[in-house]
Amino acid sequence: MKKKSFPLRIHPDILEAMQKWANDDLRSINAQIEF
């Protein structure tokens, strides 16, 4: 199954929090969003 890419408009604070969460779990931010 091919993944579609699309622009994601997200608040910078939420993006930063997700990045920290992803880093804690050793995942990329994209993998964290899919999770």
N, C-alpha and C. Protein backbone atom coordinates (compact mmCIF):
# COMPACT_ATOMS: atom_id res chain seq x y z
N MET A 1 0.84 -1.18 0.00
CA MET A 1 0.00 0.00 0.00
C MET A 1 0.88 1.24 0.00
N LYS A 2 0.67 2.09 -0.99
CA LYS A 2 1.46 3.31 -1.07
C LYS A 2 0.90 4.37 -0.13
N LYS A 3 1.79 5.05 0.57
CA LYS A 3 1.36 6.10 1.49
C LYS A 3 1.18 7.40 0.71
N LYS A 4 0.12 8.11 1.05
CA LYS A 4 -0.11 9.42 0.45
C LYS A 4 0.51 10.47 1.34
N SER A 5 1.10 11.48 0.73
CA SER A 5 1.61 12.59 1.53
C SER A 5 0.68 13.78 1.37
N PHE A 6 0.55 14.51 2.45
CA PHE A 6 -0.32 15.68 2.44
C PHE A 6 0.22 16.68 3.45
N PRO A 7 -0.05 17.95 3.23
CA PRO A 7 0.43 18.96 4.20
C PRO A 7 -0.31 18.84 5.51
N LEU A 8 0.41 18.97 6.59
CA LEU A 8 -0.18 18.87 7.92
C LEU A 8 -0.01 20.21 8.61
N ARG A 9 -1.13 20.85 8.88
CA ARG A 9 -1.07 22.13 9.61
C ARG A 9 -1.34 21.83 11.07
N ILE A 10 -0.33 22.04 11.87
CA ILE A 10 -0.43 21.70 13.29
C ILE A 10 0.23 22.82 14.10
N HIS A 11 -0.31 23.07 15.26
CA HIS A 11 0.22 24.12 16.13
C HIS A 11 1.66 23.78 16.51
N PRO A 12 2.56 24.74 16.45
CA PRO A 12 3.98 24.46 16.76
C PRO A 12 4.20 23.83 18.14
N ASP A 13 3.41 24.24 19.14
CA ASP A 13 3.56 23.65 20.47
C ASP A 13 3.21 22.17 20.48
N ILE A 14 2.16 21.81 19.74
CA ILE A 14 1.75 20.41 19.65
C ILE A 14 2.82 19.61 18.90
N LEU A 15 3.33 20.20 17.83
CA LEU A 15 4.38 19.53 17.05
C LEU A 15 5.62 19.30 17.92
N GLU A 16 5.98 20.29 18.72
CA GLU A 16 7.15 20.15 19.60
C GLU A 16 6.93 19.05 20.63
N ALA A 17 5.73 19.00 21.20
CA ALA A 17 5.41 17.96 22.18
C ALA A 17 5.46 16.58 21.54
N MET A 18 4.93 16.47 20.32
CA MET A 18 4.96 15.17 19.62
C MET A 18 6.39 14.78 19.28
N GLN A 19 7.23 15.77 18.93
CA GLN A 19 8.63 15.47 18.63
C GLN A 19 9.35 14.94 19.86
N LYS A 20 9.08 15.53 21.03
CA LYS A 20 9.69 15.05 22.28
C LYS A 20 9.23 13.63 22.58
N TRP A 21 7.93 13.38 22.39
CA TRP A 21 7.36 12.05 22.62
C TRP A 21 8.00 11.03 21.68
N ALA A 22 8.12 11.41 20.41
CA ALA A 22 8.74 10.52 19.42
C ALA A 22 10.19 10.25 19.79
N ASN A 23 10.91 11.27 20.23
CA ASN A 23 12.32 11.09 20.62
C ASN A 23 12.44 10.15 21.81
N ASP A 24 11.51 10.25 22.75
CA ASP A 24 11.52 9.36 23.91
C ASP A 24 11.36 7.91 23.49
N ASP A 25 10.57 7.67 22.44
CA ASP A 25 10.31 6.31 21.97
C ASP A 25 11.22 5.92 20.80
N LEU A 26 12.20 6.77 20.50
CA LEU A 26 13.15 6.53 19.40
C LEU A 26 12.43 6.31 18.06
N ARG A 27 11.42 7.13 17.82
CA ARG A 27 10.68 7.08 16.56
C ARG A 27 10.82 8.43 15.87
N SER A 28 10.56 8.43 14.58
CA SER A 28 10.50 9.70 13.86
C SER A 28 9.15 10.35 14.13
N ILE A 29 9.05 11.64 13.88
CA ILE A 29 7.78 12.33 14.10
C ILE A 29 6.70 11.77 13.17
N ASN A 30 7.06 11.38 11.95
CA ASN A 30 6.08 10.80 11.03
C ASN A 30 5.55 9.47 11.56
N ALA A 31 6.44 8.64 12.08
CA ALA A 31 6.01 7.36 12.65
C ALA A 31 5.14 7.59 13.87
N GLN A 32 5.45 8.63 14.64
CA GLN A 32 4.66 8.92 15.83
C GLN A 32 3.25 9.36 15.45
N ILE A 33 3.12 10.16 14.40
CA ILE A 33 1.80 10.61 13.95
C ILE A 33 0.99 9.41 13.46
N GLU A 34 1.63 8.49 12.75
CA GLU A 34 0.93 7.30 12.26
C GLU A 34 0.53 6.38 13.41
N PHE A 35 1.33 6.37 14.46
CA PHE A 35 1.08 5.53 15.63
C PHE A 35 -0.19 5.97 16.30
